[in-house]
Amino acid sequence: MLSRFKSVTAFLPLVVFLLCVRIEASVHEYTGDKFLSKGNAFVVHGGSEGLYSSIPNLNESSPPDSFIRFEKIIFQRPGELSNFSSGSIHAIVFEVDDRETIGGSAYGGQRAVCCTADLAKLGVCTQGQIIHRPSTNNPGWPQVFGVSFDVDKVETILPPRSIQITKSGMYNLYFIHCDPNLKEVVVKGKTVWKNPTGYLPGRMAPLMNFYGYMSLGFVVLGIFWFSQYARYWREVLPLQNCVTIVITLGMFEMALWYFDYAEFNETGVRPTGITVWAVTFGTVKRTVSWLIILMVSMGYGVVRPTLGGLTSKVLMLGATFFVASEVLELVENVGAISDLSGKARLFFILPVAILDAFFILWIFTSLSSTLNKLQARRMLAKLDIYRKFTNALAVAVVVSVGWICYELYFKSNDIYNEQWKNAWIIPAFWQVLSFSLLCVICALWAPSQNSMRYAYSDDASEEFDKEDTLTLIKPSLLTTKDVRSPTEFRSAESGNGLSHGDPEEDKTE
């Protein structure tokens, strides 16, 4: 197991490098992207983003504040395939509601993007051209334009163009051609996508303000916790030191996420360094939080001084969770998410989900054992705080399961990202839930003048081993040294001057 963990850790920098090769951002760069065969067309996906409509501007000469701009888009083909002129290579921009205006089918058959012979016979299109119809809801859309190769030319340049966004929606860009002789063509250049408030994609724009408020929330929580910590630093428990670390990590994580989104919004390119640091701080915080909850459930620092033989297992579980979560977060936040298929993302999500479930199972099993022991020992103060802690965890788990069901429903009914304006709520919820649970822990275990009453003491009554627990449940058998024979019992009574007879008779004797 340890050697496997080391190999995964050694592989992590390579994963980071591969993910950083292409950044998914509002400045979409194309570095020799090849056309892929999709049905009877050849396609390169140029990007998909939620864009808000431009804010009305009285000055018509000023540039629009919400647009898609094409800059230096170059199509290249090999020199040995340049001895002919080609058909057009089109750029198609459409809003997701207008997706049915692209492509068509003859006699109800399979839908095709390029005009087929059957469709050409019906007179609806020209064979070899891209099928598209004007939108009835959005005049002037979809936007379709293109270029072609001249004889002996290995390059052709798409003229610069800026498309103003006058309607909020999820917009898609595809480069498409229908000529099999151009299957070796590649795309270079970039497109710039901008919202009225900046370069953040529409589905991510609300997260910048969200992380700003979360940073403020952690500052308020930190002020409360650190003030209590400073007042009662002599009474601080090891568990409270761990909570201090989590609060500090949370402050750094929220601040880094805010600056990450602010920089992204300003430049249109996601700052890889800040993103990696934000992801790492967040992963460390979640790992430490899981470990703290698990150790508290086991009674560490409160009803037992150490974890004993479980220490290595707890640390190994934490290390495995950190590696799996770090890789998943890097894939989702640093790499180009659209480049991953469903099975590839499942490969990264599944280990984290299994480890989460294992943590929850181990935590509630340990809590049940600890509560039983505290009740048997009649340690009422500790029992009360553990019951409140258990109730908070149970509520958090129930809410999490409910939200996971909602998230699955949301994603299964939003195949085309039509609900992009509400997509930010999904990641924001988990941040709010973890912050709420941290606040509950801070309220239950805040440093105070009575903190030491929750600490572990060396009294024999607080030894929580298995044998002692069994003694609490079943009375122990008397040893041979404690069993006396009837004659010994009578002699002992005689020696102590005890008799069950009449007192008067004793006096007579």
Protein backbone atom coordinates (compact mmCIF):
# COMPACT_ATOMS: atom_id res chain seq x y z
CA MET A 1 0.00 0.00 0.00
CA LEU A 2 2.78 2.45 0.89
CA SER A 3 4.68 1.76 -2.32
CA ARG A 4 1.47 2.29 -4.33
CA PHE A 5 0.92 5.63 -2.58
CA LYS A 6 4.49 6.71 -3.40
CA SER A 7 4.02 5.84 -7.06
CA VAL A 8 0.80 7.88 -7.21
CA THR A 9 2.55 10.83 -5.54
CA ALA A 10 5.42 10.64 -8.01
CA PHE A 11 2.91 10.67 -10.88
CA LEU A 12 1.17 13.81 -9.56
CA PRO A 13 3.58 16.42 -11.03
CA LEU A 14 3.18 14.83 -14.48
CA VAL A 15 -0.60 15.11 -14.16
CA VAL A 16 -0.26 18.79 -13.24
CA PHE A 17 1.98 19.41 -16.27
CA LEU A 18 -0.38 17.69 -18.69
CA LEU A 19 -3.37 19.57 -17.30
CA CYS A 20 -1.65 22.92 -17.59
CA VAL A 21 -0.88 22.48 -21.29
CA ARG A 22 -4.30 23.84 -22.26
CA ILE A 23 -6.30 26.13 -20.00
CA GLU A 24 -10.07 26.44 -20.36
CA ALA A 25 -10.66 30.18 -20.27
CA SER A 26 -12.50 33.05 -21.93
CA VAL A 27 -9.50 33.41 -24.22
CA HIS A 28 -9.76 30.14 -26.17
CA GLU A 29 -6.48 29.29 -27.87
CA TYR A 30 -6.15 26.77 -30.70
CA THR A 31 -2.70 25.33 -31.15
CA GLY A 32 -2.96 23.01 -34.14
CA ASP A 33 -6.31 21.41 -33.21
CA LYS A 34 -7.29 18.70 -35.72
CA PHE A 35 -10.74 18.25 -37.21
CA LEU A 36 -12.54 15.15 -35.97
CA SER A 37 -15.09 13.19 -37.94
CA LYS A 38 -18.62 13.62 -36.52
CA GLY A 39 -21.24 11.97 -38.68
CA ASN A 40 -20.70 13.26 -42.22
CA ALA A 41 -18.86 16.44 -41.09
CA PHE A 42 -15.41 17.28 -39.75
CA VAL A 43 -15.53 19.35 -36.55
CA VAL A 44 -13.37 21.29 -34.09
CA HIS A 45 -15.13 22.51 -30.95
CA GLY A 46 -14.09 26.14 -30.48
CA GLY A 47 -15.71 26.68 -27.08
CA SER A 48 -18.96 26.95 -25.10
CA GLU A 49 -19.73 29.67 -22.58
CA GLY A 50 -22.68 31.34 -20.95
CA LEU A 51 -22.76 35.00 -21.99
CA TYR A 52 -24.96 37.81 -20.72
CA SER A 53 -26.33 40.35 -23.18
CA SER A 54 -24.58 43.67 -23.62
CA ILE A 55 -25.64 46.53 -21.38
CA PRO A 56 -27.48 49.16 -23.47
CA ASN A 57 -25.07 51.95 -24.42
CA LEU A 58 -26.19 55.33 -25.73
CA ASN A 59 -22.85 55.85 -27.45
CA GLU A 60 -23.05 53.73 -30.60
CA SER A 61 -19.39 54.31 -31.43
CA SER A 62 -18.19 52.57 -28.25
CA PRO A 63 -17.36 48.84 -28.57
CA PRO A 64 -19.85 46.29 -27.20
CA ASP A 65 -19.19 45.03 -23.69
CA SER A 66 -20.36 41.46 -24.41
CA PHE A 67 -18.92 39.79 -27.48
CA ILE A 68 -17.10 36.90 -29.15
CA ARG A 69 -14.05 38.12 -31.08
CA PHE A 70 -12.08 36.09 -33.63
CA GLU A 71 -8.36 36.89 -33.69
CA LYS A 72 -5.80 35.43 -36.11
CA ILE A 73 -7.71 32.23 -36.89
CA ILE A 74 -5.52 30.32 -39.36
CA PHE A 75 -6.33 27.02 -41.07
CA GLN A 76 -3.31 25.01 -42.27
CA ARG A 77 -3.02 21.92 -44.48
CA PRO A 78 0.00 19.79 -45.51
CA GLY A 79 1.96 20.96 -48.56
CA GLU A 80 1.42 17.67 -50.42
CA LEU A 81 -2.35 18.26 -50.20
CA SER A 82 -2.28 21.84 -51.45
CA ASN A 83 -2.64 21.20 -55.22
CA PHE A 84 -6.37 21.90 -55.30
CA SER A 85 -8.85 24.54 -54.25
CA SER A 86 -11.16 23.47 -51.47
CA GLY A 87 -14.66 23.93 -50.20
CA SER A 88 -15.36 26.33 -47.38
CA ILE A 89 -14.33 25.87 -43.78
CA HIS A 90 -17.05 27.49 -41.68
CA ALA A 91 -17.17 29.00 -38.23
CA ILE A 92 -20.64 28.53 -36.74
CA VAL A 93 -21.74 30.40 -33.62
CA PHE A 94 -25.18 29.64 -32.18
CA GLU A 95 -27.11 29.89 -28.94
CA VAL A 96 -28.11 26.54 -27.44
CA ASP A 97 -31.83 27.20 -28.00
CA ASP A 98 -31.09 27.40 -31.74
CA ARG A 99 -29.30 24.06 -31.94
CA GLU A 100 -32.08 22.58 -34.09
CA THR A 101 -31.30 25.13 -36.81
CA ILE A 102 -28.02 23.33 -37.54
CA GLY A 103 -28.23 20.18 -39.65
CA GLY A 104 -31.19 18.26 -41.04
CA SER A 105 -32.41 14.86 -42.19
CA ALA A 106 -34.14 13.50 -45.28
CA TYR A 107 -37.40 11.58 -44.80
CA GLY A 108 -36.91 11.49 -41.02
CA GLY A 109 -33.60 9.64 -41.22
CA GLN A 110 -30.34 10.24 -39.38
CA ARG A 111 -29.55 13.92 -38.78
CA ALA A 112 -26.64 15.26 -40.84
CA VAL A 113 -24.70 18.54 -40.63
CA CYS A 114 -23.47 18.46 -44.22
CA CYS A 115 -26.00 18.44 -47.06
CA THR A 116 -26.51 14.94 -48.44
CA ALA A 117 -27.61 13.89 -51.92
CA ASP A 118 -31.14 13.15 -50.67
CA LEU A 119 -31.47 16.59 -49.09
CA ALA A 120 -30.06 18.22 -52.23
CA LYS A 121 -32.77 16.48 -54.30
CA LEU A 122 -35.38 18.03 -52.01
CA GLY A 123 -33.91 21.44 -52.82
CA VAL A 124 -33.29 22.46 -49.21
CA CYS A 125 -29.50 22.78 -49.52
CA THR A 126 -26.50 22.40 -51.79
CA GLN A 127 -24.67 19.09 -51.60
CA GLY A 128 -21.43 19.35 -49.63
CA GLN A 129 -22.47 22.54 -47.83
CA ILE A 130 -23.38 22.97 -44.16
CA ILE A 131 -27.10 22.91 -43.40
CA HIS A 132 -28.37 25.83 -41.31
CA ARG A 133 -31.60 27.81 -41.08
CA PRO A 134 -32.35 31.25 -39.57
CA SER A 135 -33.56 31.25 -35.98
CA THR A 136 -37.17 32.24 -35.39
CA ASN A 137 -36.45 33.47 -31.84
CA ASN A 138 -33.14 35.26 -32.39
CA PRO A 139 -32.97 37.20 -35.68
CA GLY A 140 -29.60 37.11 -37.40
CA TRP A 141 -28.58 33.83 -35.77
CA PRO A 142 -26.85 31.44 -36.10
CA GLN A 143 -23.76 33.28 -37.28
CA VAL A 144 -22.10 31.34 -40.13
CA PHE A 145 -19.06 32.49 -42.09
CA GLY A 146 -15.96 30.88 -43.54
CA VAL A 147 -12.98 30.73 -45.89
CA SER A 148 -11.54 28.29 -48.42
CA PHE A 149 -8.09 27.23 -49.67
CA ASP A 150 -6.78 28.44 -53.01
CA VAL A 151 -4.64 26.22 -55.20
CA ASP A 152 -1.09 25.70 -53.84
CA LYS A 153 -1.95 27.54 -50.62
CA VAL A 154 -1.17 25.76 -47.33
CA GLU A 155 -2.77 28.48 -45.20
CA THR A 156 -5.96 30.46 -45.22
CA ILE A 157 -6.90 33.13 -42.69
CA LEU A 158 -10.35 33.80 -41.28
CA PRO A 159 -10.95 37.58 -41.39
CA PRO A 160 -11.07 39.18 -37.90
CA ARG A 161 -14.62 39.52 -36.65
CA SER A 162 -16.40 40.55 -33.47
CA ILE A 163 -19.91 39.28 -32.74
CA GLN A 164 -21.97 41.32 -30.30
CA ILE A 165 -24.12 39.37 -27.84
CA THR A 166 -27.59 40.89 -27.65
CA LYS A 167 -29.32 37.99 -25.91
CA SER A 168 -28.18 36.12 -22.78
CA GLY A 169 -27.58 32.44 -23.41
CA MET A 170 -25.18 29.52 -23.69
CA TYR A 171 -23.22 30.10 -26.91
CA ASN A 172 -21.32 27.44 -28.85
CA LEU A 173 -18.60 27.79 -31.47
CA TYR A 174 -17.70 25.06 -33.96
CA PHE A 175 -15.33 25.04 -36.93
CA ILE A 176 -16.84 22.69 -39.53
CA HIS A 177 -16.12 21.55 -43.08
CA CYS A 178 -17.56 18.85 -45.30
CA ASP A 179 -14.57 18.09 -47.58
CA PRO A 180 -12.88 14.70 -46.89
CA ASN A 181 -9.76 16.01 -48.65
CA LEU A 182 -9.31 18.53 -45.81
CA LYS A 183 -9.24 16.01 -42.98
CA GLU A 184 -5.57 16.86 -42.26
CA VAL A 185 -6.33 20.57 -41.73
CA VAL A 186 -5.52 22.09 -38.32
CA VAL A 187 -6.70 25.28 -36.59
CA LYS A 188 -4.47 27.91 -34.96
CA GLY A 189 -5.31 31.23 -33.32
CA LYS A 190 -7.70 32.31 -30.60
CA THR A 191 -11.15 33.64 -29.83
CA VAL A 192 -11.98 36.03 -27.00
CA TRP A 193 -15.29 35.73 -25.11
CA LYS A 194 -16.36 38.58 -22.84
CA ASN A 195 -19.27 39.31 -20.52
CA PRO A 196 -20.41 42.81 -19.52
CA THR A 197 -18.69 42.46 -16.13
CA GLY A 198 -15.46 40.89 -17.38
CA TYR A 199 -13.99 37.79 -18.95
CA LEU A 200 -15.35 35.27 -16.47
CA PRO A 201 -17.68 32.76 -18.16
CA GLY A 202 -21.30 33.38 -17.20
CA ARG A 203 -21.62 30.18 -15.19
CA MET A 204 -18.58 31.16 -13.09
CA ALA A 205 -19.14 34.92 -12.75
CA PRO A 206 -21.25 34.73 -9.52
CA LEU A 207 -18.53 32.65 -7.83
CA MET A 208 -16.18 35.63 -7.58
CA ASN A 209 -18.59 37.50 -5.29
CA PHE A 210 -19.42 34.26 -3.49
CA TYR A 211 -15.80 33.63 -2.55
CA GLY A 212 -15.52 37.25 -1.47
CA TYR A 213 -18.37 36.72 1.00
CA MET A 214 -16.92 33.37 2.10
CA SER A 215 -13.59 35.09 2.80
CA LEU A 216 -15.45 37.59 4.98
CA GLY A 217 -17.21 34.72 6.76
CA PHE A 218 -13.91 33.01 7.56
CA VAL A 219 -12.50 36.32 8.82
CA VAL A 220 -15.44 36.71 11.25
CA LEU A 221 -15.09 33.10 12.40
CA GLY A 222 -11.33 33.56 12.76
CA ILE A 223 -11.75 36.70 14.87
CA PHE A 224 -14.08 34.83 17.25
CA TRP A 225 -11.89 31.74 17.45
CA PHE A 226 -8.51 33.48 17.78
CA SER A 227 -9.84 35.89 20.43
CA GLN A 228 -11.03 32.92 22.51
CA TYR A 229 -7.76 31.15 21.81
CA ALA A 230 -5.74 34.15 23.04
CA ARG A 231 -7.86 34.56 26.20
CA TYR A 232 -7.69 30.94 27.28
CA TRP A 233 -4.45 29.76 25.71
CA ARG A 234 -3.50 27.94 28.91
CA GLU A 235 -6.63 25.80 28.64
CA VAL A 236 -6.27 24.91 24.94
CA LEU A 237 -6.68 21.24 23.98
CA PRO A 238 -4.82 19.47 21.13
CA LEU A 239 -8.14 19.20 19.31
CA GLN A 240 -8.54 22.99 19.42
CA ASN A 241 -5.10 23.41 17.86
CA CYS A 242 -6.29 21.27 14.94
CA VAL A 243 -9.41 23.42 14.51
CA THR A 244 -7.14 26.50 14.42
CA ILE A 245 -5.24 24.94 11.51
CA VAL A 246 -8.48 24.27 9.60
CA ILE A 247 -9.68 27.87 10.05
CA THR A 248 -6.34 29.20 8.84
CA LEU A 249 -6.39 26.93 5.78
CA GLY A 250 -9.95 28.00 5.06
CA MET A 251 -8.96 31.68 5.12
CA PHE A 252 -6.15 31.08 2.63
CA GLU A 253 -8.35 28.90 0.40
CA MET A 254 -11.19 31.43 0.13
CA ALA A 255 -8.80 34.34 -0.44
CA LEU A 256 -6.93 32.43 -3.17
CA TRP A 257 -10.15 31.46 -4.93
CA TYR A 258 -11.30 35.07 -4.88
CA PHE A 259 -8.03 36.33 -6.37
CA ASP A 260 -8.07 33.47 -8.89
CA TYR A 261 -11.49 34.51 -10.19
CA ALA A 262 -10.66 38.21 -10.03
CA GLU A 263 -7.52 37.68 -12.16
CA PHE A 264 -9.46 35.44 -14.55
CA ASN A 265 -12.16 38.10 -14.88
CA GLU A 266 -9.59 40.81 -15.57
CA THR A 267 -7.41 39.06 -18.15
CA GLY A 268 -9.52 36.25 -19.61
CA VAL A 269 -6.78 33.70 -18.89
CA ARG A 270 -6.92 31.68 -15.71
CA PRO A 271 -3.79 32.16 -13.53
CA THR A 272 -2.52 28.60 -13.28
CA GLY A 273 -0.28 29.25 -10.27
CA ILE A 274 -3.02 30.78 -8.10
CA THR A 275 -5.48 28.08 -9.16
CA VAL A 276 -3.10 25.26 -8.19
CA TRP A 277 -2.43 26.89 -4.81
CA ALA A 278 -6.16 27.40 -4.17
CA VAL A 279 -6.86 23.77 -5.09
CA THR A 280 -4.03 22.54 -2.84
CA PHE A 281 -5.08 24.60 0.17
CA GLY A 282 -8.66 23.42 -0.29
CA THR A 283 -7.62 19.77 -0.55
CA VAL A 284 -5.41 20.03 2.55
CA LYS A 285 -8.27 21.70 4.44
CA ARG A 286 -10.76 18.95 3.51
CA THR A 287 -8.28 16.22 4.37
CA VAL A 288 -7.47 17.73 7.77
CA SER A 289 -11.19 18.31 8.42
CA TRP A 290 -12.01 14.67 7.73
CA LEU A 291 -9.17 13.52 9.98
CA ILE A 292 -10.23 15.85 12.82
CA ILE A 293 -13.84 14.65 12.65
CA LEU A 294 -12.65 11.04 12.64
CA MET A 295 -10.31 11.57 15.60
CA VAL A 296 -13.01 13.41 17.56
CA SER A 297 -15.40 10.53 16.86
CA MET A 298 -12.81 8.13 18.24
CA GLY A 299 -12.54 10.27 21.37
CA TYR A 300 -8.98 11.49 20.79
CA GLY A 301 -7.93 14.13 23.31
CA VAL A 302 -11.24 13.88 25.14
CA VAL A 303 -11.71 10.30 26.26
CA ARG A 304 -8.46 8.71 25.10
CA PRO A 305 -4.91 10.12 25.00
CA THR A 306 -3.82 8.54 21.68
CA LEU A 307 -5.26 6.59 18.79
CA GLY A 308 -3.00 3.67 19.56
CA GLY A 309 -2.60 1.20 16.73
CA LEU A 310 -5.10 3.09 14.59
CA THR A 311 -2.76 6.04 14.01
CA SER A 312 -1.05 4.56 10.94
CA LYS A 313 -4.39 3.54 9.39
CA VAL A 314 -5.89 7.01 9.92
CA LEU A 315 -2.83 8.69 8.39
CA MET A 316 -2.81 6.33 5.41
CA LEU A 317 -6.50 7.00 4.77
CA GLY A 318 -5.85 10.74 4.96
CA ALA A 319 -2.89 10.57 2.57
CA THR A 320 -4.86 8.50 0.04
CA PHE A 321 -7.78 10.93 0.22
CA PHE A 322 -5.45 13.90 -0.29
CA VAL A 323 -3.90 12.45 -3.46
CA ALA A 324 -7.26 11.40 -4.96
CA SER A 325 -8.88 14.77 -4.16
CA GLU A 326 -5.92 16.79 -5.41
CA VAL A 327 -5.93 15.03 -8.79
CA LEU A 328 -9.72 15.44 -9.12
CA GLU A 329 -9.62 19.16 -8.24
CA LEU A 330 -6.75 19.80 -10.65
CA VAL A 331 -8.67 18.07 -13.42
CA GLU A 332 -11.84 20.07 -12.74
CA ASN A 333 -10.30 23.48 -12.13
CA VAL A 334 -6.97 23.60 -13.98
CA GLY A 335 -7.42 21.33 -16.97
CA ALA A 336 -9.78 21.74 -19.92
CA ILE A 337 -12.88 19.99 -18.59
CA SER A 338 -14.50 19.72 -22.01
CA ASP A 339 -11.57 17.58 -23.18
CA LEU A 340 -12.53 14.79 -20.77
CA SER A 341 -15.14 12.20 -21.59
CA GLY A 342 -17.68 11.03 -19.03
CA LYS A 343 -15.75 7.83 -18.34
CA ALA A 344 -12.51 9.76 -17.83
CA ARG A 345 -14.13 12.08 -15.25
CA LEU A 346 -15.74 9.08 -13.55
CA PHE A 347 -12.26 7.58 -13.20
CA PHE A 348 -11.23 10.57 -11.04
CA ILE A 349 -14.53 11.07 -9.17
CA LEU A 350 -15.15 7.47 -8.12
CA PRO A 351 -12.12 7.06 -5.78
CA VAL A 352 -12.98 10.28 -3.92
CA ALA A 353 -16.62 9.20 -3.53
CA ILE A 354 -15.56 5.81 -2.14
CA LEU A 355 -13.15 7.42 0.32
CA ASP A 356 -15.84 9.89 1.44
CA ALA A 357 -18.21 6.99 2.12
CA PHE A 358 -15.49 5.13 4.02
CA PHE A 359 -14.82 8.19 6.19
CA ILE A 360 -18.52 8.57 7.01
CA LEU A 361 -18.92 4.88 7.88
CA TRP A 362 -15.85 4.88 10.13
CA ILE A 363 -16.88 8.15 11.81
CA PHE A 364 -20.38 7.01 12.77
CA THR A 365 -19.14 3.59 13.88
CA SER A 366 -16.60 5.30 16.16
CA LEU A 367 -19.18 7.79 17.43
CA SER A 368 -21.57 5.00 18.37
CA SER A 369 -18.85 3.23 20.36
CA THR A 370 -17.72 6.45 22.07
CA LEU A 371 -21.28 7.43 23.05
CA ASN A 372 -21.92 4.00 24.55
CA LYS A 373 -18.76 4.23 26.63
CA LEU A 374 -19.49 7.75 27.83
CA GLN A 375 -23.01 6.76 28.84
CA ALA A 376 -21.77 3.71 30.69
CA ARG A 377 -19.18 5.81 32.55
CA ARG A 378 -21.80 8.50 33.29
CA MET A 379 -19.55 11.29 31.97
CA LEU A 380 -22.51 13.59 31.41
CA ALA A 381 -20.65 16.76 30.28
CA LYS A 382 -18.72 14.90 27.58
CA LEU A 383 -21.79 12.85 26.64
CA ASP A 384 -23.84 16.01 26.08
CA ILE A 385 -21.26 17.60 23.76
CA TYR A 386 -20.81 14.36 21.81
CA ARG A 387 -24.56 14.02 21.32
CA LYS A 388 -24.73 17.54 19.88
CA PHE A 389 -21.76 16.74 17.65
CA THR A 390 -23.43 13.52 16.44
CA ASN A 391 -26.69 15.33 15.67
CA ALA A 392 -24.82 17.99 13.66
CA LEU A 393 -22.99 15.31 11.65
CA ALA A 394 -26.21 13.37 11.03
CA VAL A 395 -27.94 16.50 9.73
CA ALA A 396 -24.93 17.28 7.49
CA VAL A 397 -24.95 13.76 6.02
CA VAL A 398 -28.70 13.80 5.37
CA VAL A 399 -28.47 17.23 3.70
CA SER A 400 -25.47 16.05 1.63
CA VAL A 401 -27.32 12.98 0.36
CA GLY A 402 -30.33 15.12 -0.53
CA TRP A 403 -28.14 17.62 -2.37
CA ILE A 404 -26.32 14.86 -4.28
CA CYS A 405 -29.71 13.59 -5.49
CA TYR A 406 -30.63 17.14 -6.56
CA GLU A 407 -27.27 17.57 -8.31
CA LEU A 408 -27.78 14.34 -10.25
CA TYR A 409 -31.27 15.49 -11.22
CA PHE A 410 -29.97 18.93 -12.22
CA LYS A 411 -27.20 17.56 -14.44
CA SER A 412 -29.32 14.81 -16.00
CA ASN A 413 -31.94 17.40 -17.05
CA ASP A 414 -29.42 19.97 -18.25
CA ILE A 415 -27.61 18.13 -21.04
CA TYR A 416 -27.08 21.28 -23.10
CA ASN A 417 -26.15 23.57 -20.16
CA GLU A 418 -29.32 25.61 -20.54
CA GLN A 419 -29.37 26.21 -16.77
CA TRP A 420 -25.91 27.76 -16.80
CA LYS A 421 -27.00 30.78 -14.75
CA ASN A 422 -27.70 28.51 -11.74
CA ALA A 423 -24.71 26.16 -12.19
CA TRP A 424 -22.57 28.11 -9.68
CA ILE A 425 -24.88 27.02 -6.85
CA ILE A 426 -23.63 23.41 -7.09
CA PRO A 427 -20.00 24.04 -5.94
CA ALA A 428 -21.07 26.92 -3.67
CA PHE A 429 -23.36 24.65 -1.64
CA TRP A 430 -20.54 22.33 -0.60
CA GLN A 431 -18.46 25.28 0.59
CA VAL A 432 -21.39 26.59 2.65
CA LEU A 433 -22.09 23.15 4.15
CA SER A 434 -18.48 22.55 5.20
CA PHE A 435 -18.26 26.08 6.63
CA SER A 436 -21.48 25.53 8.62
CA LEU A 437 -20.15 22.28 10.08
CA LEU A 438 -16.90 24.04 11.00
CA CYS A 439 -18.92 26.73 12.79
CA VAL A 440 -20.75 24.03 14.78
CA ILE A 441 -17.44 22.45 15.81
CA CYS A 442 -16.09 25.88 16.81
CA ALA A 443 -19.20 26.53 18.92
CA LEU A 444 -18.98 23.15 20.68
CA TRP A 445 -15.23 23.18 21.31
CA ALA A 446 -14.41 26.89 21.58
CA PRO A 447 -11.54 27.62 24.01
CA SER A 448 -12.93 28.66 27.41
CA GLN A 449 -12.10 28.50 31.08
CA ASN A 450 -13.95 25.16 31.23
CA SER A 451 -12.13 23.58 28.29
CA MET A 452 -10.15 21.20 30.48
CA ARG A 453 -13.27 19.45 31.71
CA TYR A 454 -13.57 17.98 28.21
CA ALA A 455 -9.92 16.89 28.16
CA TYR A 456 -8.69 13.39 28.75
CA SER A 457 -7.66 12.62 32.34
CA ASP A 458 -5.43 9.84 33.64
CA ASP A 459 -8.13 8.40 35.89
CA ALA A 460 -8.55 4.69 35.55
CA SER A 461 -12.23 5.28 34.92
CA GLU A 462 -11.38 6.80 31.55
CA GLU A 463 -9.45 3.90 30.06
CA PHE A 464 -11.43 2.98 26.97
CA ASP A 465 -10.13 -0.39 25.98
CA LYS A 466 -12.23 -3.31 24.83
CA GLU A 467 -11.86 -5.37 27.99
CA ASP A 468 -13.02 -2.48 30.12
CA THR A 469 -16.02 -1.91 27.89
CA LEU A 470 -17.04 -5.53 28.18
CA THR A 471 -16.79 -5.20 31.96
CA LEU A 472 -19.27 -2.36 31.84
CA ILE A 473 -21.77 -4.45 29.91
CA LYS A 474 -21.39 -7.75 31.77
CA PRO A 475 -20.46 -8.13 35.46
CA SER A 476 -17.08 -9.76 35.79
CA LEU A 477 -16.83 -13.18 37.36
CA LEU A 478 -15.45 -13.41 40.91
CA THR A 479 -11.93 -14.75 41.11
CA THR A 480 -11.03 -17.66 43.36
CA LYS A 481 -9.39 -15.27 45.79
CA ASP A 482 -12.70 -13.48 46.31
CA VAL A 483 -14.72 -16.69 46.95
CA ARG A 484 -14.84 -17.91 50.54
CA SER A 485 -15.97 -21.23 51.88
CA PRO A 486 -18.86 -21.40 54.36
CA THR A 487 -16.52 -22.34 57.25
CA GLU A 488 -14.23 -19.38 56.47
CA PHE A 489 -17.24 -17.10 56.36
CA ARG A 490 -18.47 -18.35 59.79
CA SER A 491 -15.04 -18.03 61.35
CA ALA A 492 -14.75 -14.53 60.00
CA GLU A 493 -18.12 -13.67 61.53
CA SER A 494 -17.05 -15.18 64.87
CA GLY A 495 -13.81 -13.29 64.82
CA ASN A 496 -15.65 -10.03 64.19
CA GLY A 497 -18.15 -10.73 66.95
CA LEU A 498 -21.06 -10.99 64.49
CA SER A 499 -23.99 -13.33 65.05
CA HIS A 500 -27.44 -13.71 63.59
CA GLY A 501 -28.88 -15.03 66.83
CA ASP A 502 -30.74 -13.29 69.67
CA PRO A 503 -28.72 -10.58 71.39
CA GLU A 504 -29.85 -11.75 74.82
CA GLU A 505 -28.53 -15.25 74.18
CA ASP A 506 -25.18 -13.77 73.25
CA LYS A 507 -25.04 -11.93 76.57
CA THR A 508 -25.88 -15.10 78.50
CA GLU A 509 -23.08 -16.98 76.86
